[in-house]
Amino acid sequence: MARADAGLIDLHTHTLFSDGELLLSELVRRAEVLGYRLINISDHADRSNMDFLVPRVVQACAELNKLGRIRVIAGVEITHCPLKQIARLVKEARDLGAQLVTVHGETVSEPVIEGTDRAGIEAGADILAHPGLVSEADAALAAEKSVFLEISGRKGHCLANGHVARIARLSGAGLVFGSDAHDETDLVSMEQAERVLLGAGLEAHELLAVWRNAEKLAKKALPG
């Protein structure tokens, strides 16, 4: 497929800093062995843990980037928060050094507060993860504000992938891929990632746009 020789960019993963099962360095090592070239650590955060989570992930990722071959982004996923908190938490995450900010969207498999998709987009998050039955109006706003919608590799969250792909095509919103890995078995190969994207209804040529979007976010997070 389109970028199989370049190595995967996975923009959504978790460690035991939140509900993942692996230390950050083990997750990164396992991804490196699978041929990843870049991974985004996007552990769950809300008001209760943002202040200690983000700085520690930033420090760990900075050290790994000096020592390893795979590049590691210090991200965060703002999750299940009251709508009025989301914009403040996006700003706070950036102020604390988060290199990419994701908002946990209205996946069909969890009771996310209605309106979270819109609040995450209005807040200027980089990625709206698994946005579920996102509306065309919200997707159009995402396109306007350069917020990317995620096609998810995770069970449950992937149930709305086809809808997300269709709405993105209608609205012009950009798409990215995230495995939403919580342990080593969730990490995917490039071939698997592209099968998920094709299964969501993307055409083969549209996969190139997904990987270009990933490159754009990678350069934003890790310039140079």
N, C-alpha and C. Protein backbone atom coordinates (compact mmCIF):
# COMPACT_ATOMS: atom_id res chain seq x y z
N MET A 1 0.83 -1.21 0.00
CA MET A 1 0.00 0.00 0.00
C MET A 1 0.86 1.26 0.00
N ALA A 2 0.23 2.41 0.16
CA ALA A 2 0.84 3.67 -0.17
C ALA A 2 2.14 3.99 0.56
N ARG A 3 2.19 3.78 1.88
CA ARG A 3 3.36 4.22 2.63
C ARG A 3 3.99 3.08 3.42
N ALA A 4 3.79 1.85 2.99
CA ALA A 4 4.22 0.70 3.78
C ALA A 4 5.71 0.68 4.01
N ASP A 5 6.49 1.27 3.09
CA ASP A 5 7.93 1.22 3.23
C ASP A 5 8.46 2.31 4.16
N ALA A 6 7.60 3.23 4.56
CA ALA A 6 8.06 4.37 5.35
C ALA A 6 7.98 4.11 6.85
N GLY A 7 7.19 3.16 7.27
CA GLY A 7 6.96 2.93 8.68
C GLY A 7 5.75 3.68 9.17
N LEU A 8 5.03 3.09 10.09
CA LEU A 8 3.74 3.62 10.53
C LEU A 8 3.91 4.83 11.44
N ILE A 9 3.03 5.80 11.28
CA ILE A 9 2.83 6.88 12.24
C ILE A 9 1.50 6.59 12.93
N ASP A 10 1.57 6.30 14.22
CA ASP A 10 0.38 5.97 15.02
C ASP A 10 0.14 7.13 15.97
N LEU A 11 -0.99 7.78 15.83
CA LEU A 11 -1.25 9.02 16.56
C LEU A 11 -2.13 8.86 17.80
N HIS A 12 -2.28 7.61 18.29
CA HIS A 12 -3.15 7.42 19.46
C HIS A 12 -2.74 6.15 20.19
N THR A 13 -2.07 6.30 21.32
CA THR A 13 -1.69 5.15 22.15
C THR A 13 -1.74 5.53 23.63
N HIS A 14 -1.78 4.49 24.48
CA HIS A 14 -1.88 4.69 25.93
C HIS A 14 -0.88 3.82 26.67
N THR A 15 -0.43 4.34 27.81
CA THR A 15 0.49 3.62 28.68
C THR A 15 -0.18 3.45 30.04
N LEU A 16 0.57 2.90 31.02
CA LEU A 16 -0.01 2.73 32.34
C LEU A 16 -0.10 4.04 33.10
N PHE A 17 0.30 5.16 32.47
CA PHE A 17 -0.02 6.45 33.04
C PHE A 17 -1.53 6.68 33.08
N SER A 18 -2.29 5.98 32.19
CA SER A 18 -3.75 6.03 32.25
C SER A 18 -4.27 4.60 32.27
N ASP A 19 -4.97 4.16 31.22
CA ASP A 19 -5.54 2.81 31.25
C ASP A 19 -4.80 1.82 30.36
N GLY A 20 -3.60 2.16 29.90
CA GLY A 20 -2.79 1.20 29.18
C GLY A 20 -2.10 0.24 30.14
N GLU A 21 -1.43 -0.76 29.58
CA GLU A 21 -0.82 -1.81 30.40
C GLU A 21 0.70 -1.76 30.43
N LEU A 22 1.32 -0.92 29.59
CA LEU A 22 2.77 -0.94 29.47
C LEU A 22 3.39 0.38 29.92
N LEU A 23 4.60 0.27 30.47
CA LEU A 23 5.41 1.46 30.65
C LEU A 23 5.61 2.16 29.31
N LEU A 24 5.80 3.45 29.36
CA LEU A 24 5.99 4.21 28.13
C LEU A 24 7.15 3.65 27.31
N SER A 25 8.27 3.38 27.94
CA SER A 25 9.43 2.91 27.18
C SER A 25 9.20 1.53 26.59
N GLU A 26 8.42 0.67 27.26
CA GLU A 26 8.15 -0.64 26.68
C GLU A 26 7.21 -0.52 25.48
N LEU A 27 6.19 0.32 25.61
CA LEU A 27 5.29 0.53 24.47
C LEU A 27 6.07 1.03 23.26
N VAL A 28 6.95 1.99 23.49
CA VAL A 28 7.75 2.55 22.39
C VAL A 28 8.66 1.47 21.79
N ARG A 29 9.29 0.67 22.63
CA ARG A 29 10.17 -0.38 22.12
C ARG A 29 9.39 -1.39 21.30
N ARG A 30 8.25 -1.79 21.77
CA ARG A 30 7.45 -2.77 21.01
C ARG A 30 7.00 -2.18 19.67
N ALA A 31 6.67 -0.90 19.67
CA ALA A 31 6.30 -0.24 18.41
C ALA A 31 7.50 -0.19 17.46
N GLU A 32 8.66 0.09 18.00
CA GLU A 32 9.87 0.15 17.18
C GLU A 32 10.15 -1.19 16.52
N VAL A 33 9.99 -2.27 17.26
CA VAL A 33 10.23 -3.61 16.72
C VAL A 33 9.25 -3.93 15.60
N LEU A 34 8.03 -3.38 15.69
CA LEU A 34 7.02 -3.60 14.65
C LEU A 34 7.25 -2.73 13.41
N GLY A 35 8.25 -1.85 13.46
CA GLY A 35 8.54 -1.02 12.30
C GLY A 35 7.94 0.36 12.33
N TYR A 36 7.36 0.75 13.47
CA TYR A 36 6.87 2.13 13.59
C TYR A 36 8.04 3.09 13.42
N ARG A 37 7.74 4.27 12.88
CA ARG A 37 8.76 5.32 12.91
C ARG A 37 8.36 6.48 13.78
N LEU A 38 7.08 6.54 14.18
CA LEU A 38 6.64 7.61 15.07
C LEU A 38 5.40 7.16 15.82
N ILE A 39 5.36 7.49 17.11
CA ILE A 39 4.22 7.11 17.94
C ILE A 39 3.85 8.28 18.84
N ASN A 40 2.56 8.51 19.00
CA ASN A 40 2.05 9.57 19.85
C ASN A 40 1.53 8.95 21.15
N ILE A 41 2.08 9.39 22.28
CA ILE A 41 1.60 8.94 23.57
C ILE A 41 0.48 9.88 23.99
N SER A 42 -0.72 9.35 24.08
CA SER A 42 -1.89 10.22 24.31
C SER A 42 -2.72 9.68 25.48
N ASP A 43 -2.10 9.66 26.65
CA ASP A 43 -2.80 9.14 27.82
C ASP A 43 -3.95 10.04 28.23
N HIS A 44 -4.95 9.41 28.84
CA HIS A 44 -6.16 10.11 29.26
C HIS A 44 -5.87 11.12 30.37
N ALA A 45 -6.51 12.27 30.25
CA ALA A 45 -6.34 13.30 31.28
C ALA A 45 -7.63 14.07 31.48
N ASP A 46 -7.78 14.53 32.71
CA ASP A 46 -8.82 15.50 33.05
C ASP A 46 -8.23 16.45 34.09
N ARG A 47 -9.06 17.17 34.80
CA ARG A 47 -8.56 18.12 35.78
C ARG A 47 -7.74 17.44 36.88
N SER A 48 -8.02 16.18 37.15
CA SER A 48 -7.40 15.51 38.30
C SER A 48 -5.93 15.14 38.08
N ASN A 49 -5.50 14.97 36.84
CA ASN A 49 -4.14 14.46 36.62
C ASN A 49 -3.32 15.21 35.59
N MET A 50 -3.90 16.21 34.95
CA MET A 50 -3.20 16.92 33.88
C MET A 50 -1.85 17.47 34.32
N ASP A 51 -1.80 18.04 35.54
CA ASP A 51 -0.62 18.77 35.97
C ASP A 51 0.60 17.89 36.20
N PHE A 52 0.39 16.62 36.55
CA PHE A 52 1.56 15.76 36.70
C PHE A 52 1.76 14.81 35.52
N LEU A 53 0.67 14.49 34.80
CA LEU A 53 0.79 13.57 33.66
C LEU A 53 1.61 14.18 32.53
N VAL A 54 1.21 15.36 32.06
CA VAL A 54 1.83 15.92 30.86
C VAL A 54 3.32 16.19 31.05
N PRO A 55 3.76 16.86 32.12
CA PRO A 55 5.20 17.11 32.25
C PRO A 55 6.04 15.83 32.29
N ARG A 56 5.53 14.78 32.90
CA ARG A 56 6.29 13.53 32.98
C ARG A 56 6.38 12.85 31.62
N VAL A 57 5.29 12.87 30.88
CA VAL A 57 5.33 12.30 29.53
C VAL A 57 6.26 13.12 28.63
N VAL A 58 6.20 14.43 28.75
CA VAL A 58 7.09 15.30 27.97
C VAL A 58 8.55 14.96 28.26
N GLN A 59 8.90 14.83 29.52
CA GLN A 59 10.28 14.53 29.88
C GLN A 59 10.71 13.16 29.35
N ALA A 60 9.87 12.15 29.54
CA ALA A 60 10.21 10.80 29.09
C ALA A 60 10.39 10.74 27.58
N CYS A 61 9.49 11.40 26.85
CA CYS A 61 9.57 11.38 25.39
C CYS A 61 10.82 12.11 24.90
N ALA A 62 11.14 13.22 25.53
CA ALA A 62 12.33 13.97 25.13
C ALA A 62 13.58 13.12 25.27
N GLU A 63 13.68 12.37 26.36
CA GLU A 63 14.85 11.51 26.56
C GLU A 63 14.89 10.38 25.54
N LEU A 64 13.74 9.76 25.28
CA LEU A 64 13.71 8.68 24.29
C LEU A 64 14.07 9.18 22.90
N ASN A 65 13.68 10.39 22.58
CA ASN A 65 13.99 10.93 21.26
C ASN A 65 15.49 11.18 21.08
N LYS A 66 16.20 11.35 22.17
CA LYS A 66 17.66 11.51 22.08
C LYS A 66 18.37 10.17 21.93
N LEU A 67 17.72 9.09 22.37
CA LEU A 67 18.42 7.82 22.50
C LEU A 67 17.97 6.75 21.52
N GLY A 68 16.78 6.87 20.96
CA GLY A 68 16.24 5.80 20.12
C GLY A 68 16.09 6.20 18.67
N ARG A 69 15.71 5.23 17.86
CA ARG A 69 15.48 5.48 16.44
C ARG A 69 14.06 5.95 16.17
N ILE A 70 13.09 5.40 16.89
CA ILE A 70 11.71 5.80 16.71
C ILE A 70 11.49 7.17 17.36
N ARG A 71 10.67 7.98 16.73
CA ARG A 71 10.34 9.29 17.27
C ARG A 71 9.08 9.18 18.12
N VAL A 72 9.04 9.91 19.24
CA VAL A 72 7.95 9.80 20.20
C VAL A 72 7.38 11.18 20.48
N ILE A 73 6.07 11.32 20.30
CA ILE A 73 5.37 12.57 20.57
C ILE A 73 4.76 12.52 21.96
N ALA A 74 4.93 13.58 22.72
CA ALA A 74 4.32 13.71 24.04
C ALA A 74 2.94 14.35 23.88
N GLY A 75 1.94 13.52 23.78
CA GLY A 75 0.58 14.02 23.61
C GLY A 75 -0.26 13.78 24.85
N VAL A 76 -1.55 14.03 24.71
CA VAL A 76 -2.50 13.80 25.80
C VAL A 76 -3.89 13.68 25.18
N GLU A 77 -4.77 12.91 25.83
CA GLU A 77 -6.15 12.80 25.38
C GLU A 77 -7.08 13.27 26.49
N ILE A 78 -7.72 14.40 26.27
CA ILE A 78 -8.67 14.96 27.24
C ILE A 78 -9.96 14.15 27.14
N THR A 79 -10.38 13.57 28.27
CA THR A 79 -11.33 12.47 28.22
C THR A 79 -12.50 12.65 29.20
N HIS A 80 -13.72 12.52 28.69
CA HIS A 80 -14.94 12.51 29.51
C HIS A 80 -15.05 13.72 30.42
N CYS A 81 -14.69 14.87 29.93
CA CYS A 81 -14.72 16.09 30.75
C CYS A 81 -16.00 16.88 30.50
N PRO A 82 -16.46 17.63 31.49
CA PRO A 82 -17.57 18.55 31.26
C PRO A 82 -17.24 19.50 30.10
N LEU A 83 -18.24 19.83 29.33
CA LEU A 83 -18.00 20.63 28.12
C LEU A 83 -17.31 21.95 28.43
N LYS A 84 -17.68 22.58 29.53
CA LYS A 84 -17.11 23.90 29.84
C LYS A 84 -15.64 23.83 30.24
N GLN A 85 -15.14 22.62 30.55
CA GLN A 85 -13.73 22.48 30.91
C GLN A 85 -12.82 22.26 29.71
N ILE A 86 -13.38 21.82 28.59
CA ILE A 86 -12.54 21.30 27.51
C ILE A 86 -11.59 22.35 26.95
N ALA A 87 -12.08 23.54 26.66
CA ALA A 87 -11.20 24.56 26.08
C ALA A 87 -10.07 24.92 27.04
N ARG A 88 -10.39 25.03 28.33
CA ARG A 88 -9.35 25.36 29.31
C ARG A 88 -8.31 24.24 29.42
N LEU A 89 -8.77 23.00 29.34
CA LEU A 89 -7.85 21.87 29.45
C LEU A 89 -6.97 21.75 28.21
N VAL A 90 -7.51 22.05 27.04
CA VAL A 90 -6.69 22.05 25.83
C VAL A 90 -5.57 23.07 25.97
N LYS A 91 -5.91 24.27 26.42
CA LYS A 91 -4.89 25.31 26.61
C LYS A 91 -3.88 24.91 27.68
N GLU A 92 -4.37 24.37 28.78
CA GLU A 92 -3.48 23.97 29.86
C GLU A 92 -2.52 22.88 29.40
N ALA A 93 -3.02 21.93 28.63
CA ALA A 93 -2.15 20.87 28.13
C ALA A 93 -1.03 21.44 27.27
N ARG A 94 -1.36 22.38 26.42
CA ARG A 94 -0.33 23.01 25.58
C ARG A 94 0.67 23.79 26.44
N ASP A 95 0.15 24.52 27.44
CA ASP A 95 1.03 25.29 28.31
C ASP A 95 1.99 24.39 29.09
N LEU A 96 1.56 23.17 29.38
CA LEU A 96 2.40 22.21 30.11
C LEU A 96 3.38 21.48 29.19
N GLY A 97 3.26 21.71 27.88
CA GLY A 97 4.22 21.14 26.95
C GLY A 97 3.71 20.03 26.06
N ALA A 98 2.42 19.71 26.14
CA ALA A 98 1.88 18.67 25.26
C ALA A 98 2.09 19.06 23.80
N GLN A 99 2.64 18.13 23.02
CA GLN A 99 2.98 18.43 21.62
C GLN A 99 1.82 18.19 20.67
N LEU A 100 0.91 17.31 21.03
CA LEU A 100 -0.35 17.14 20.32
C LEU A 100 -1.45 16.95 21.35
N VAL A 101 -2.57 17.61 21.15
CA VAL A 101 -3.69 17.49 22.08
C VAL A 101 -4.87 16.83 21.36
N THR A 102 -5.31 15.73 21.92
CA THR A 102 -6.45 14.97 21.40
C THR A 102 -7.61 15.14 22.37
N VAL A 103 -8.81 15.23 21.84
CA VAL A 103 -10.02 15.18 22.66
C VAL A 103 -10.74 13.88 22.35
N HIS A 104 -11.14 13.18 23.40
CA HIS A 104 -11.87 11.91 23.31
C HIS A 104 -13.27 12.21 22.81
N GLY A 105 -13.54 11.85 21.55
CA GLY A 105 -14.80 12.19 20.92
C GLY A 105 -15.95 11.30 21.33
N GLU A 106 -17.10 11.53 20.70
CA GLU A 106 -18.35 10.88 21.08
C GLU A 106 -18.49 9.49 20.46
N THR A 107 -17.52 8.62 20.78
CA THR A 107 -17.59 7.24 20.33
C THR A 107 -18.94 6.62 20.66
N VAL A 108 -19.40 5.73 19.79
CA VAL A 108 -20.70 5.08 20.02
C VAL A 108 -20.63 4.03 21.11
N SER A 109 -19.44 3.71 21.59
CA SER A 109 -19.30 2.62 22.56
C SER A 109 -19.15 3.08 24.01
N GLU A 110 -19.19 4.41 24.27
CA GLU A 110 -19.05 4.94 25.62
C GLU A 110 -20.00 6.11 25.82
N PRO A 111 -20.37 6.39 27.06
CA PRO A 111 -21.34 7.48 27.33
C PRO A 111 -20.68 8.85 27.39
N VAL A 112 -20.08 9.27 26.30
CA VAL A 112 -19.44 10.58 26.23
C VAL A 112 -20.52 11.66 26.20
N ILE A 113 -20.26 12.77 26.88
CA ILE A 113 -21.24 13.84 26.95
C ILE A 113 -21.56 14.38 25.55
N GLU A 114 -22.84 14.48 25.25
CA GLU A 114 -23.25 15.03 23.96
C GLU A 114 -22.74 16.47 23.83
N GLY A 115 -22.15 16.77 22.70
CA GLY A 115 -21.58 18.08 22.48
C GLY A 115 -20.07 18.10 22.63
N THR A 116 -19.50 16.96 23.05
CA THR A 116 -18.05 16.90 23.21
C THR A 116 -17.32 17.07 21.89
N ASP A 117 -17.85 16.48 20.81
CA ASP A 117 -17.20 16.65 19.50
C ASP A 117 -17.07 18.14 19.17
N ARG A 118 -18.17 18.86 19.29
CA ARG A 118 -18.16 20.29 18.97
C ARG A 118 -17.22 21.06 19.91
N ALA A 119 -17.25 20.74 21.19
CA ALA A 119 -16.40 21.45 22.15
C ALA A 119 -14.93 21.21 21.86
N GLY A 120 -14.57 19.99 21.51
CA GLY A 120 -13.17 19.69 21.19
C GLY A 120 -12.70 20.42 19.95
N ILE A 121 -13.57 20.51 18.97
CA ILE A 121 -13.23 21.22 17.73
C ILE A 121 -13.10 22.71 18.01
N GLU A 122 -14.07 23.28 18.72
CA GLU A 122 -14.03 24.71 19.02
C GLU A 122 -12.80 25.07 19.85
N ALA A 123 -12.35 24.13 20.68
CA ALA A 123 -11.18 24.36 21.52
C ALA A 123 -9.87 24.31 20.73
N GLY A 124 -9.94 23.84 19.49
CA GLY A 124 -8.74 23.79 18.67
C GLY A 124 -7.82 22.63 18.99
N ALA A 125 -8.39 21.51 19.43
CA ALA A 125 -7.58 20.31 19.60
C ALA A 125 -6.95 19.93 18.26
N ASP A 126 -5.87 19.16 18.31
CA ASP A 126 -5.26 18.70 17.06
C ASP A 126 -6.04 17.56 16.44
N ILE A 127 -6.54 16.66 17.30
CA ILE A 127 -7.24 15.46 16.84
C ILE A 127 -8.50 15.27 17.65
N LEU A 128 -9.59 14.94 16.99
CA LEU A 128 -10.80 14.48 17.66
C LEU A 128 -10.85 12.97 17.48
N ALA A 129 -10.58 12.25 18.57
CA ALA A 129 -10.49 10.80 18.50
C ALA A 129 -11.88 10.18 18.37
N HIS A 130 -11.94 9.10 17.60
CA HIS A 130 -13.17 8.31 17.44
C HIS A 130 -14.43 9.16 17.66
N PRO A 131 -14.74 10.07 16.73
CA PRO A 131 -15.81 11.03 16.95
C PRO A 131 -17.22 10.49 16.76
N GLY A 132 -17.36 9.18 16.59
CA GLY A 132 -18.68 8.57 16.54
C GLY A 132 -19.53 9.09 15.40
N LEU A 133 -20.78 9.39 15.69
CA LEU A 133 -21.71 9.85 14.67
C LEU A 133 -21.60 11.37 14.52
N VAL A 134 -20.39 11.82 14.26
CA VAL A 134 -20.11 13.25 14.13
C VAL A 134 -20.99 13.85 13.04
N SER A 135 -21.49 15.05 13.29
CA SER A 135 -22.36 15.70 12.32
C SER A 135 -21.55 16.32 11.21
N GLU A 136 -22.21 16.54 10.07
CA GLU A 136 -21.52 17.18 8.96
C GLU A 136 -21.14 18.61 9.32
N ALA A 137 -21.98 19.29 10.11
CA ALA A 137 -21.67 20.67 10.52
C ALA A 137 -20.43 20.69 11.40
N ASP A 138 -20.32 19.76 12.33
CA ASP A 138 -19.14 19.71 13.19
C ASP A 138 -17.90 19.35 12.37
N ALA A 139 -18.05 18.43 11.44
CA ALA A 139 -16.91 18.05 10.60
C ALA A 139 -16.46 19.23 9.73
N ALA A 140 -17.41 20.01 9.24
CA ALA A 140 -17.05 21.19 8.45
C ALA A 140 -16.28 22.20 9.31
N LEU A 141 -16.69 22.35 10.56
CA LEU A 141 -15.96 23.24 11.47
C LEU A 141 -14.56 22.68 11.73
N ALA A 142 -14.46 21.35 11.85
CA ALA A 142 -13.14 20.73 12.03
C ALA A 142 -12.24 21.04 10.84
N ALA A 143 -12.80 20.97 9.63
CA ALA A 143 -12.03 21.29 8.44
C ALA A 143 -11.56 22.74 8.48
N GLU A 144 -12.45 23.63 8.89
CA GLU A 144 -12.12 25.07 8.95
C GLU A 144 -11.01 25.34 9.96
N LYS A 145 -11.03 24.60 11.10
CA LYS A 145 -10.08 24.85 12.17
C LYS A 145 -8.89 23.90 12.14
N SER A 146 -8.78 23.10 11.09
CA SER A 146 -7.66 22.15 10.94
C SER A 146 -7.57 21.17 12.09
N VAL A 147 -8.73 20.70 12.55
CA VAL A 147 -8.81 19.63 13.54
C VAL A 147 -9.06 18.33 12.78
N PHE A 148 -8.22 17.34 13.01
CA PHE A 148 -8.32 16.08 12.27
C PHE A 148 -9.24 15.10 12.98
N LEU A 149 -10.03 14.38 12.20
CA LEU A 149 -10.91 13.34 12.72
C LEU A 149 -10.20 12.00 12.61
N GLU A 150 -10.38 11.16 13.63
CA GLU A 150 -9.67 9.89 13.67
C GLU A 150 -10.49 8.73 13.12
N ILE A 151 -9.83 7.92 12.31
CA ILE A 151 -10.31 6.57 12.00
C ILE A 151 -9.61 5.65 13.00
N SER A 152 -10.40 4.94 13.79
CA SER A 152 -9.88 4.22 14.94
C SER A 152 -9.65 2.73 14.65
N GLY A 153 -8.54 2.23 15.15
CA GLY A 153 -8.26 0.82 15.05
C GLY A 153 -8.76 0.01 16.23
N ARG A 154 -9.43 0.66 17.19
CA ARG A 154 -9.84 -0.02 18.42
C ARG A 154 -11.26 -0.55 18.33
N LYS A 155 -11.44 -1.76 18.87
CA LYS A 155 -12.78 -2.37 18.88
C LYS A 155 -13.75 -1.44 19.62
N GLY A 156 -14.98 -1.44 19.20
CA GLY A 156 -15.97 -0.52 19.78
C GLY A 156 -15.88 0.84 19.15
N HIS A 157 -14.75 1.49 19.29
CA HIS A 157 -14.59 2.81 18.71
C HIS A 157 -14.63 2.77 17.18
N CYS A 158 -14.25 1.64 16.61
CA CYS A 158 -14.20 1.53 15.15
C CYS A 158 -15.57 1.38 14.51
N LEU A 159 -16.61 1.19 15.31
CA LEU A 159 -17.94 0.91 14.76
C LEU A 159 -18.48 2.05 13.91
N ALA A 160 -18.04 3.26 14.17
CA ALA A 160 -18.52 4.42 13.39
C ALA A 160 -17.51 4.87 12.35
N ASN A 161 -16.47 4.09 12.10
CA ASN A 161 -15.44 4.51 11.14
C ASN A 161 -16.02 4.84 9.77
N GLY A 162 -16.96 4.01 9.30
CA GLY A 162 -17.54 4.26 7.99
C GLY A 162 -18.27 5.58 7.93
N HIS A 163 -19.01 5.90 8.98
CA HIS A 163 -19.70 7.18 9.05
C HIS A 163 -18.70 8.33 9.07
N VAL A 164 -17.65 8.20 9.88
CA VAL A 164 -16.65 9.28 9.98
C VAL A 164 -16.00 9.52 8.62
N ALA A 165 -15.65 8.44 7.92
CA ALA A 165 -15.03 8.59 6.60
C ALA A 165 -15.97 9.28 5.62
N ARG A 166 -17.24 8.90 5.65
CA ARG A 166 -18.21 9.50 4.72
C ARG A 166 -18.41 10.98 5.01
N ILE A 167 -18.56 11.32 6.29
CA ILE A 167 -18.78 12.71 6.66
C ILE A 167 -17.54 13.55 6.37
N ALA A 168 -16.38 12.98 6.59
CA ALA A 168 -15.14 13.71 6.28
C ALA A 168 -15.06 14.02 4.79
N ARG A 169 -15.45 13.07 3.96
CA ARG A 169 -15.42 13.29 2.51
C ARG A 169 -16.40 14.39 2.12
N LEU A 170 -17.58 14.42 2.74
CA LEU A 170 -18.59 15.43 2.41
C LEU A 170 -18.17 16.83 2.88
N SER A 171 -17.48 16.89 4.02
CA SER A 171 -17.19 18.18 4.65
C SER A 171 -15.80 18.71 4.34
N GLY A 172 -14.92 17.85 3.85
CA GLY A 172 -13.54 18.26 3.62
C GLY A 172 -12.66 18.15 4.84
N ALA A 173 -13.14 17.52 5.90
CA ALA A 173 -12.34 17.35 7.11
C ALA A 173 -11.20 16.36 6.85
N GLY A 174 -10.06 16.61 7.47
CA GLY A 174 -8.92 15.72 7.34
C GLY A 174 -9.04 14.52 8.27
N LEU A 175 -8.50 13.40 7.83
CA LEU A 175 -8.54 12.16 8.61
C LEU A 175 -7.13 11.74 9.00
N VAL A 176 -7.04 11.12 10.17
CA VAL A 176 -5.80 10.47 10.60
C VAL A 176 -6.16 9.10 11.15
N PHE A 177 -5.12 8.27 11.32
CA PHE A 177 -5.31 6.94 11.90
C PHE A 177 -4.70 6.87 13.29
N GLY A 178 -5.40 6.19 14.19
CA GLY A 178 -4.85 5.89 15.51
C GLY A 178 -5.25 4.50 15.93
N SER A 179 -4.29 3.72 16.40
CA SER A 179 -4.62 2.36 16.85
C SER A 179 -5.39 2.38 18.16
N ASP A 180 -5.22 3.45 18.97
CA ASP A 180 -5.77 3.51 20.32
C ASP A 180 -5.26 2.31 21.13
N ALA A 181 -3.98 2.00 20.95
CA ALA A 181 -3.39 0.83 21.61
C ALA A 181 -3.34 1.02 23.11
N HIS A 182 -3.74 -0.03 23.83
CA HIS A 182 -3.65 -0.07 25.29
C HIS A 182 -2.67 -1.14 25.76
N ASP A 183 -2.28 -2.04 24.89
CA ASP A 183 -1.23 -3.01 25.19
C ASP A 183 -0.58 -3.43 23.88
N GLU A 184 0.38 -4.35 23.97
CA GLU A 184 1.14 -4.70 22.78
C GLU A 184 0.30 -5.36 21.70
N THR A 185 -0.79 -6.02 22.09
CA THR A 185 -1.62 -6.70 21.09
C THR A 185 -2.43 -5.72 20.25
N ASP A 186 -2.56 -4.46 20.72
CA ASP A 186 -3.32 -3.45 19.97
C ASP A 186 -2.48 -2.73 18.93
N LEU A 187 -1.16 -2.81 19.05
CA LEU A 187 -0.30 -2.19 18.06
C LEU A 187 -0.49 -2.89 16.72
N VAL A 188 -0.46 -2.13 15.64
CA VAL A 188 -0.77 -2.70 14.33
C VAL A 188 0.38 -2.46 13.36
N SER A 189 0.39 -3.25 12.32
CA SER A 189 1.33 -3.03 11.22
C SER A 189 0.76 -1.99 10.27
N MET A 190 1.59 -1.49 9.37
CA MET A 190 1.10 -0.58 8.34
C MET A 190 0.01 -1.25 7.51
N GLU A 191 0.22 -2.52 7.17
CA GLU A 191 -0.78 -3.24 6.38
C GLU A 191 -2.11 -3.30 7.11
N GLN A 192 -2.08 -3.59 8.42
CA GLN A 192 -3.32 -3.64 9.19
C GLN A 192 -3.99 -2.27 9.25
N ALA A 193 -3.19 -1.23 9.46
CA ALA A 193 -3.75 0.11 9.52
C ALA A 193 -4.46 0.46 8.22
N GLU A 194 -3.85 0.12 7.11
CA GLU A 194 -4.45 0.46 5.82
C GLU A 194 -5.69 -0.39 5.55
N ARG A 195 -5.73 -1.59 6.09
CA ARG A 195 -6.94 -2.40 5.96
C ARG A 195 -8.09 -1.78 6.75
N VAL A 196 -7.78 -1.22 7.92
CA VAL A 196 -8.81 -0.52 8.69
C VAL A 196 -9.33 0.67 7.90
N LEU A 197 -8.44 1.43 7.30
CA LEU A 197 -8.85 2.60 6.52
C LEU A 197 -9.68 2.21 5.31
N LEU A 198 -9.26 1.17 4.62
CA LEU A 198 -10.05 0.70 3.48
C LEU A 198 -11.40 0.16 3.94
N GLY A 199 -11.41 -0.52 5.08
CA GLY A 199 -12.67 -1.03 5.62
C GLY A 199 -13.63 0.07 6.02
N ALA A 200 -13.09 1.24 6.33
CA ALA A 200 -13.94 2.40 6.64
C ALA A 200 -14.56 3.01 5.39
N GLY A 201 -14.13 2.55 4.24
CA GLY A 201 -14.70 3.05 2.99
C GLY A 201 -13.81 3.99 2.22
N LEU A 202 -12.57 4.20 2.67
CA LEU A 202 -11.67 5.06 1.91
C LEU A 202 -11.21 4.34 0.65
N GLU A 203 -11.01 5.11 -0.39
CA GLU A 203 -10.41 4.57 -1.60
C GLU A 203 -8.90 4.49 -1.41
N ALA A 204 -8.27 3.65 -2.22
CA ALA A 204 -6.82 3.46 -2.06
C ALA A 204 -6.07 4.79 -2.16
N HIS A 205 -6.49 5.66 -3.09
CA HIS A 205 -5.77 6.94 -3.24
C HIS A 205 -5.98 7.86 -2.05
N GLU A 206 -7.07 7.66 -1.29
CA GLU A 206 -7.33 8.51 -0.14
C GLU A 206 -6.43 8.17 1.04
N LEU A 207 -5.86 6.99 1.03
CA LEU A 207 -4.92 6.63 2.09
C LEU A 207 -3.72 7.58 2.10
N LEU A 208 -3.32 8.02 0.94
CA LEU A 208 -2.18 8.96 0.87
C LEU A 208 -2.47 10.23 1.66
N ALA A 209 -3.70 10.71 1.58
CA ALA A 209 -4.06 11.92 2.32
C ALA A 209 -3.98 11.68 3.82
N VAL A 210 -4.39 10.49 4.28
CA VAL A 210 -4.30 10.16 5.70
C VAL A 210 -2.86 10.22 6.17
N TRP A 211 -1.94 9.64 5.40
CA TRP A 211 -0.54 9.63 5.81
C TRP A 211 0.10 11.02 5.67
N ARG A 212 -0.37 11.81 4.69
CA ARG A 212 0.12 13.20 4.61
C ARG A 212 -0.32 14.00 5.83
N ASN A 213 -1.56 13.76 6.28
CA ASN A 213 -2.04 14.44 7.48
C ASN A 213 -1.21 14.04 8.70
N ALA A 214 -0.87 12.77 8.78
CA ALA A 214 -0.04 12.29 9.89
C ALA A 214 1.33 12.98 9.85
N GLU A 215 1.88 13.11 8.66
CA GLU A 215 3.17 13.80 8.51
C GLU A 215 3.06 15.25 8.97
N LYS A 216 1.95 15.90 8.61
CA LYS A 216 1.77 17.30 9.00
C LYS A 216 1.74 17.44 10.51
N LEU A 217 1.01 16.56 11.19
CA LEU A 217 0.94 16.63 12.64
C LEU A 217 2.28 16.26 13.28
N ALA A 218 2.98 15.31 12.68
CA ALA A 218 4.30 14.92 13.21
C ALA A 218 5.26 16.10 13.14
N LYS A 219 5.24 16.83 12.04
CA LYS A 219 6.13 17.98 11.90
C LYS A 219 5.74 19.12 12.83
N LYS A 220 4.44 19.26 13.07
CA LYS A 220 3.99 20.27 14.03
C LYS A 220 4.48 19.92 15.43
N ALA A 221 4.38 18.63 15.79
CA ALA A 221 4.75 18.21 17.14
C ALA A 221 6.25 18.19 17.35
N LEU A 222 6.98 17.74 16.33
CA LEU A 222 8.42 17.56 16.43
C LEU A 222 9.11 18.27 15.28
N PRO A 223 9.10 19.59 15.27
CA PRO A 223 9.72 20.32 14.16
C PRO A 223 11.22 20.03 14.09
N GLY A 224 11.70 19.82 12.87
CA GLY A 224 13.12 19.55 12.67
C GLY A 224 13.49 18.13 13.02
